[in-house]
Amino acid sequence: MPYPTPLPQPHPQAHPDASPIAVLGAGAWGTALALLAASKGTPVYLWTRRKEHARAMQEERQNREYLPGVPFPKTLYPTAEAEEALAQAQFAVVAVPSRALRATLEALPPAPAYLSVVKGLHYGEHHLLRMTQVIEAATGVKRLAALSGPNLAEEVARFLPAAAVVASHDPSLAQAVQQVFSGPSFRVYTSSDLIGVELGGALKNVIALAAGMVDGLGLGDNAKAALITRGLREIVRFGVAWGAQEATFMGLSGLGDLIATAHSPLSRNRRAGERIARGETLAQLEAQRSVVEGIYTVKALHAWDQATGADLPITEAVYRVIYLGANPLEELSRLMGREAKPES
């Protein structure tokens, strides 16, 4: 699939007094955020656990594995040494897959603050945890924030216009993140609704999987629009019950992210749903290089649903297709056959 056409990249001015940041995880999204910050002259240490990956990025001045063809600014420093990345960082951006998050952070030195850009959920020991809760459990650090929005990494890395929201209970941390990443191509808003921003980013991946299944089955735009709309309602109902603000889900981390993820050909979750509907298995999806967070989020939500009796019909349908081998068309028919009721 072709990457978006890049816009001219900014020429960073060196800022010798700018505080460095660390980006933990050199996949597509971590690299895109590193590019944004470094393009403004901020020193950015992009950490990868693989020494050969760090060496290749140092020599080629690009991340050929995940974002080929996008050159690194001078202030972007790839490294496999966690101590080097975190030594002077004002905060660390966490961009590792959700299933490896806790183990990764427990093995690294702590940072003074963390920004989660991982759009997932974790279920364990009868608890459903957001990623900032996993980070706090792994590190003991309480200065936490989360960034989310309609942000396809391939577009962000090529400086195509985009926007996001950063949420934190610490206004100074949210403002620091806003200052580091806001620029000509990337607008960052702040929020105090950490729960809502995290849940919006995680739950929309499940709906995007379902939307991809609709595409894979060739069921048309009417079906897809209905599914996305009802999926948003499912997200809102779940999120509000968890203490989030309903208005948050009408913003960038909710509706905005859902639109991008459920429609774009660059969306890994939408593509995965399409491939499942066309016969690919869970094992085949897990064998690919790019992580599909919705696959793990839907499993965590199913476990929570079984423990609490939450009403998540679309989520449960996606779970049955992925993990139980149910027929996606039959699951859609099951959803269409649910008891008639008012929309709200």
Protein backbone atom coordinates (compact mmCIF):
# COMPACT_ATOMS: atom_id res chain seq x y z
CA MET A 1 0.00 0.00 0.00
CA PRO A 2 1.51 3.38 -0.98
CA TYR A 3 2.40 5.86 1.71
CA PRO A 4 0.90 9.38 1.67
CA THR A 5 2.69 12.00 -0.40
CA PRO A 6 4.95 13.90 1.98
CA LEU A 7 4.69 17.64 2.50
CA PRO A 8 7.94 19.62 2.65
CA GLN A 9 9.56 18.91 5.98
CA PRO A 10 10.40 21.76 8.36
CA HIS A 11 14.01 22.70 8.92
CA PRO A 12 14.60 22.50 12.66
CA GLN A 13 16.41 25.28 14.44
CA ALA A 14 18.74 24.03 17.15
CA HIS A 15 17.47 24.79 20.65
CA PRO A 16 20.41 24.09 22.97
CA ASP A 17 18.32 24.84 26.06
CA ALA A 18 15.41 22.58 25.08
CA SER A 19 14.87 19.70 27.48
CA PRO A 20 15.23 16.30 25.80
CA ILE A 21 12.49 13.72 25.64
CA ALA A 22 12.70 9.95 25.27
CA VAL A 23 10.49 7.89 22.99
CA LEU A 24 10.31 4.27 24.10
CA GLY A 25 9.42 2.16 21.09
CA ALA A 26 10.63 2.69 17.52
CA GLY A 27 7.61 1.41 15.63
CA ALA A 28 5.73 3.61 13.20
CA TRP A 29 3.86 5.68 15.81
CA GLY A 30 6.79 6.17 18.17
CA THR A 31 8.99 7.22 15.25
CA ALA A 32 6.35 9.62 13.92
CA LEU A 33 6.14 11.39 17.27
CA ALA A 34 9.93 11.50 17.53
CA LEU A 35 10.02 13.15 14.10
CA LEU A 36 7.45 15.76 15.15
CA ALA A 37 9.35 16.80 18.26
CA ALA A 38 12.80 16.68 16.65
CA SER A 39 11.58 18.74 13.69
CA LYS A 40 11.21 21.65 16.14
CA GLY A 41 14.74 21.22 17.46
CA THR A 42 13.91 19.25 20.59
CA PRO A 43 16.54 16.59 21.36
CA VAL A 44 14.73 13.25 21.03
CA TYR A 45 16.18 9.89 22.02
CA LEU A 46 14.33 7.16 20.10
CA TRP A 47 14.82 3.91 22.00
CA THR A 48 14.50 0.45 20.50
CA ARG A 49 15.28 -2.77 22.36
CA ARG A 50 17.11 -4.21 19.33
CA LYS A 51 20.70 -3.05 18.89
CA GLU A 52 20.72 -3.89 15.20
CA HIS A 53 17.63 -1.73 14.67
CA ALA A 54 19.24 1.20 16.49
CA ARG A 55 22.44 0.80 14.49
CA ALA A 56 20.53 0.73 11.18
CA MET A 57 18.65 3.92 12.07
CA GLN A 58 21.88 5.63 13.15
CA GLU A 59 23.60 4.76 9.89
CA GLU A 60 20.71 5.34 7.49
CA ARG A 61 19.10 8.28 9.36
CA GLN A 62 15.64 6.83 8.81
CA ASN A 63 13.51 4.00 10.18
CA ARG A 64 13.49 1.79 7.12
CA GLU A 65 11.57 -0.98 8.91
CA TYR A 66 8.49 1.07 9.79
CA LEU A 67 8.64 4.46 8.03
CA PRO A 68 10.90 4.12 5.00
CA GLY A 69 11.83 7.26 3.13
CA VAL A 70 11.34 9.77 5.95
CA PRO A 71 14.72 11.32 6.89
CA PHE A 72 15.58 11.99 10.54
CA PRO A 73 16.25 15.54 11.72
CA LYS A 74 19.65 16.19 13.29
CA THR A 75 18.18 16.27 16.80
CA LEU A 76 16.73 12.74 16.60
CA TYR A 77 19.07 10.20 18.22
CA PRO A 78 18.27 6.48 17.81
CA THR A 79 19.62 4.30 20.61
CA ALA A 80 19.32 0.87 22.17
CA GLU A 81 20.71 2.14 25.49
CA ALA A 82 17.84 2.95 27.85
CA GLU A 83 20.09 4.80 30.27
CA GLU A 84 21.18 7.15 27.49
CA ALA A 85 17.59 7.74 26.36
CA LEU A 86 16.20 8.46 29.81
CA ALA A 87 19.14 10.18 31.53
CA GLN A 88 17.97 13.77 30.93
CA ALA A 89 14.46 13.29 29.57
CA GLN A 90 11.78 15.63 30.90
CA PHE A 91 9.27 12.86 30.10
CA ALA A 92 9.19 9.54 28.29
CA VAL A 93 6.75 8.77 25.50
CA VAL A 94 5.60 5.15 25.81
CA ALA A 95 4.96 3.65 22.37
CA VAL A 96 5.42 -0.08 22.91
CA PRO A 97 2.66 -2.67 22.31
CA SER A 98 0.20 -3.00 25.19
CA ARG A 99 0.93 -6.69 25.78
CA ALA A 100 4.64 -5.92 26.35
CA LEU A 101 4.17 -2.66 28.23
CA ARG A 102 4.60 -3.69 31.84
CA ALA A 103 7.53 -6.05 31.27
CA THR A 104 9.31 -3.45 29.15
CA LEU A 105 8.99 -0.64 31.70
CA GLU A 106 9.94 -2.82 34.64
CA ALA A 107 13.25 -3.54 32.91
CA LEU A 108 14.08 0.14 32.25
CA PRO A 109 15.21 3.02 34.48
CA PRO A 110 12.29 5.24 35.57
CA ALA A 111 11.47 8.57 33.94
CA PRO A 112 10.18 11.64 35.85
CA ALA A 113 6.91 11.49 33.87
CA TYR A 114 5.30 9.35 31.18
CA LEU A 115 3.14 10.05 28.15
CA SER A 116 1.22 6.99 26.97
CA VAL A 117 0.42 6.82 23.26
CA VAL A 118 -0.58 3.14 23.49
CA LYS A 119 -4.22 2.62 22.52
CA GLY A 120 -5.06 -0.54 24.41
CA LEU A 121 -6.45 -2.10 27.59
CA HIS A 122 -5.14 -4.83 29.86
CA TYR A 123 -7.20 -7.35 31.83
CA GLY A 124 -5.61 -9.29 34.65
CA GLU A 125 -6.40 -10.40 38.20
CA HIS A 126 -10.05 -9.42 37.70
CA HIS A 127 -9.16 -5.83 36.82
CA LEU A 128 -9.44 -3.94 33.54
CA LEU A 129 -6.59 -1.43 33.37
CA ARG A 130 -5.91 1.56 31.16
CA MET A 131 -2.35 2.00 29.93
CA THR A 132 -1.48 4.82 32.35
CA GLN A 133 -2.56 2.52 35.18
CA VAL A 134 -0.24 -0.18 33.86
CA ILE A 135 2.58 2.37 33.63
CA GLU A 136 2.02 3.50 37.22
CA ALA A 137 1.96 -0.11 38.45
CA ALA A 138 5.20 -0.88 36.60
CA THR A 139 7.15 2.26 37.54
CA GLY A 140 5.51 3.84 40.59
CA VAL A 141 5.50 7.19 38.75
CA LYS A 142 2.31 9.23 39.12
CA ARG A 143 2.97 12.09 36.66
CA LEU A 144 1.13 10.54 33.72
CA ALA A 145 -0.55 11.70 30.54
CA ALA A 146 -2.11 10.12 27.46
CA LEU A 147 -2.21 11.40 23.89
CA SER A 148 -4.81 10.25 21.40
CA GLY A 149 -6.66 11.33 18.28
CA PRO A 150 -7.11 10.59 14.56
CA ASN A 151 -3.40 10.08 14.03
CA LEU A 152 -2.32 7.63 11.35
CA ALA A 153 1.43 7.35 11.83
CA GLU A 154 2.31 7.33 8.13
CA GLU A 155 0.54 10.67 7.61
CA VAL A 156 1.86 12.32 10.78
CA ALA A 157 5.44 11.32 9.92
CA ARG A 158 5.11 13.01 6.55
CA PHE A 159 3.85 16.23 8.16
CA LEU A 160 0.33 16.03 6.76
CA PRO A 161 -2.11 18.10 8.90
CA ALA A 162 -3.43 16.36 12.01
CA ALA A 163 -4.63 17.08 15.54
CA ALA A 164 -4.62 15.25 18.86
CA VAL A 165 -5.57 15.72 22.50
CA VAL A 166 -3.35 15.17 25.54
CA ALA A 167 -5.03 14.43 28.87
CA SER A 168 -3.55 14.46 32.34
CA HIS A 169 -4.51 15.15 35.93
CA ASP A 170 -1.33 17.28 35.99
CA PRO A 171 -1.98 20.44 33.91
CA SER A 172 1.74 21.29 33.76
CA LEU A 173 2.53 17.91 32.17
CA ALA A 174 -0.26 18.29 29.61
CA GLN A 175 1.05 21.74 28.70
CA ALA A 176 4.62 20.43 28.39
CA VAL A 177 3.46 17.72 25.98
CA GLN A 178 1.42 20.27 24.05
CA GLN A 179 4.47 22.52 23.69
CA VAL A 180 6.79 19.71 22.57
CA PHE A 181 4.54 18.32 19.84
CA SER A 182 2.49 21.26 18.57
CA GLY A 183 3.75 22.61 15.28
CA PRO A 184 2.77 23.67 11.77
CA SER A 185 1.33 20.25 10.89
CA PHE A 186 0.23 18.93 14.29
CA ARG A 187 -2.19 20.72 16.63
CA VAL A 188 -2.42 19.45 20.21
CA TYR A 189 -5.31 20.27 22.56
CA THR A 190 -5.32 19.60 26.31
CA SER A 191 -7.90 17.84 28.49
CA SER A 192 -8.31 16.80 32.11
CA ASP A 193 -10.38 13.71 31.17
CA LEU A 194 -7.63 11.09 31.25
CA ILE A 195 -10.13 8.21 31.46
CA GLY A 196 -12.12 9.38 28.45
CA VAL A 197 -9.11 10.04 26.24
CA GLU A 198 -7.59 6.64 26.99
CA LEU A 199 -10.82 4.69 26.58
CA GLY A 200 -11.73 6.47 23.35
CA GLY A 201 -8.40 5.55 21.81
CA ALA A 202 -8.62 1.92 22.90
CA LEU A 203 -12.28 1.12 22.27
CA LYS A 204 -12.44 2.57 18.76
CA ASN A 205 -9.98 -0.12 17.61
CA VAL A 206 -12.61 -2.78 18.29
CA ILE A 207 -15.21 -0.91 16.25
CA ALA A 208 -12.64 -0.44 13.48
CA LEU A 209 -12.12 -4.21 13.37
CA ALA A 210 -15.89 -4.61 12.90
CA ALA A 211 -15.91 -1.90 10.22
CA GLY A 212 -13.15 -3.74 8.38
CA MET A 213 -15.23 -6.90 8.48
CA VAL A 214 -18.09 -5.00 6.84
CA ASP A 215 -15.66 -3.92 4.12
CA GLY A 216 -14.35 -7.44 3.72
CA LEU A 217 -17.85 -8.79 3.28
CA GLY A 218 -18.74 -6.05 0.77
CA LEU A 219 -21.84 -4.98 2.71
CA GLY A 220 -21.77 -1.35 1.65
CA ASP A 221 -21.55 2.12 3.15
CA ASN A 222 -24.98 2.09 4.79
CA ALA A 223 -24.07 -0.94 6.89
CA LYS A 224 -20.68 0.52 7.78
CA ALA A 225 -22.13 3.88 8.82
CA ALA A 226 -24.74 2.20 10.99
CA LEU A 227 -22.13 -0.01 12.62
CA ILE A 228 -19.80 2.92 13.36
CA THR A 229 -22.65 5.00 14.80
CA ARG A 230 -23.86 2.24 17.08
CA GLY A 231 -20.26 1.44 17.92
CA LEU A 232 -19.75 5.01 19.09
CA ARG A 233 -22.81 4.62 21.29
CA GLU A 234 -21.30 1.46 22.78
CA ILE A 235 -18.06 3.34 23.47
CA VAL A 236 -19.89 6.23 25.13
CA ARG A 237 -22.02 3.97 27.30
CA PHE A 238 -18.99 2.02 28.50
CA GLY A 239 -16.83 5.11 29.00
CA VAL A 240 -19.37 7.11 31.00
CA ALA A 241 -19.92 4.11 33.26
CA TRP A 242 -16.16 4.18 33.91
CA GLY A 243 -16.22 7.85 34.90
CA ALA A 244 -15.35 9.51 31.60
CA GLN A 245 -17.05 12.63 30.30
CA GLU A 246 -19.46 11.98 27.43
CA ALA A 247 -18.27 15.11 25.59
CA THR A 248 -14.76 13.62 25.33
CA PHE A 249 -16.07 10.89 23.03
CA MET A 250 -17.44 13.52 20.66
CA GLY A 251 -13.94 14.95 20.29
CA LEU A 252 -10.63 13.97 18.73
CA SER A 253 -9.93 10.92 20.90
CA GLY A 254 -13.42 9.51 20.35
CA LEU A 255 -15.35 10.33 17.20
CA GLY A 256 -12.32 11.77 15.40
CA ASP A 257 -10.16 8.71 15.98
CA LEU A 258 -13.04 6.36 15.18
CA ILE A 259 -13.63 8.02 11.79
CA ALA A 260 -9.98 7.76 10.78
CA THR A 261 -9.44 4.23 12.06
CA ALA A 262 -12.65 2.78 10.67
CA HIS A 263 -12.23 4.27 7.19
CA SER A 264 -8.58 4.72 6.27
CA PRO A 265 -6.75 2.15 4.13
CA LEU A 266 -3.73 2.92 6.35
CA SER A 267 -5.56 1.73 9.49
CA ARG A 268 -4.10 -1.54 10.79
CA ASN A 269 -7.25 -2.41 12.74
CA ARG A 270 -9.59 -1.81 9.79
CA ARG A 271 -7.31 -3.81 7.50
CA ALA A 272 -7.18 -6.65 10.02
CA GLY A 273 -10.98 -6.81 10.18
CA GLU A 274 -11.16 -6.91 6.39
CA ARG A 275 -8.61 -9.72 6.25
CA ILE A 276 -10.45 -11.73 8.91
CA ALA A 277 -13.70 -11.43 6.97
CA ARG A 278 -11.86 -12.82 3.95
CA GLY A 279 -10.64 -15.86 5.83
CA GLU A 280 -7.36 -15.01 7.58
CA THR A 281 -6.85 -16.50 11.03
CA LEU A 282 -5.77 -14.98 14.32
CA ALA A 283 -2.43 -16.77 14.04
CA GLN A 284 -1.80 -15.20 10.63
CA LEU A 285 -2.59 -11.73 11.97
CA GLU A 286 -0.35 -12.16 15.00
CA ALA A 287 2.52 -13.27 12.79
CA GLN A 288 2.68 -9.92 11.00
CA ARG A 289 5.18 -7.25 12.03
CA SER A 290 2.69 -4.47 12.80
CA VAL A 291 0.71 -4.79 16.03
CA VAL A 292 -3.10 -4.70 15.80
CA GLU A 293 -4.06 -3.41 19.25
CA GLY A 294 -7.78 -4.05 18.77
CA ILE A 295 -7.16 -7.82 18.80
CA TYR A 296 -5.87 -7.63 22.37
CA THR A 297 -8.32 -4.94 23.50
CA VAL A 298 -11.33 -7.01 22.45
CA LYS A 299 -9.98 -9.95 24.44
CA ALA A 300 -9.59 -7.77 27.54
CA LEU A 301 -13.09 -6.33 27.10
CA HIS A 302 -14.58 -9.80 26.67
CA ALA A 303 -12.98 -10.93 29.94
CA TRP A 304 -14.40 -7.85 31.66
CA ASP A 305 -17.81 -8.45 30.06
CA GLN A 306 -17.87 -12.03 31.32
CA ALA A 307 -16.96 -10.91 34.83
CA THR A 308 -19.42 -8.02 35.07
CA GLY A 309 -22.22 -8.63 32.59
CA ALA A 310 -21.55 -5.39 30.70
CA ASP A 311 -23.65 -4.88 27.55
CA LEU A 312 -21.15 -4.73 24.67
CA PRO A 313 -22.88 -6.42 21.71
CA ILE A 314 -20.53 -5.27 18.93
CA THR A 315 -17.46 -6.03 21.03
CA GLU A 316 -18.77 -9.51 21.79
CA ALA A 317 -19.52 -10.14 18.11
CA VAL A 318 -15.96 -9.16 17.16
CA TYR A 319 -14.58 -11.40 19.93
CA ARG A 320 -16.57 -14.40 18.70
CA VAL A 321 -15.32 -13.92 15.14
CA ILE A 322 -11.65 -13.52 16.08
CA TYR A 323 -11.29 -15.94 18.99
CA LEU A 324 -14.08 -18.49 18.46
CA GLY A 325 -14.06 -18.65 14.68
CA ALA A 326 -17.65 -17.44 14.31
CA ASN A 327 -18.89 -16.49 10.86
CA PRO A 328 -18.80 -12.67 10.56
CA LEU A 329 -21.94 -12.54 8.42
CA GLU A 330 -23.84 -14.61 10.98
CA GLU A 331 -22.64 -12.29 13.74
CA LEU A 332 -23.88 -9.27 11.78
CA SER A 333 -27.25 -10.98 11.38
CA ARG A 334 -27.31 -11.56 15.14
CA LEU A 335 -26.75 -7.84 15.72
CA MET A 336 -29.46 -6.90 13.20
CA GLY A 337 -31.87 -9.28 14.90
CA ARG A 338 -31.55 -7.80 18.39
CA GLU A 339 -34.72 -6.57 20.05
CA ALA A 340 -36.08 -3.32 18.57
CA LYS A 341 -35.72 -0.33 20.92
CA PRO A 342 -35.37 3.48 20.95
CA GLU A 343 -32.10 4.84 19.54
CA SER A 344 -31.00 6.60 22.75
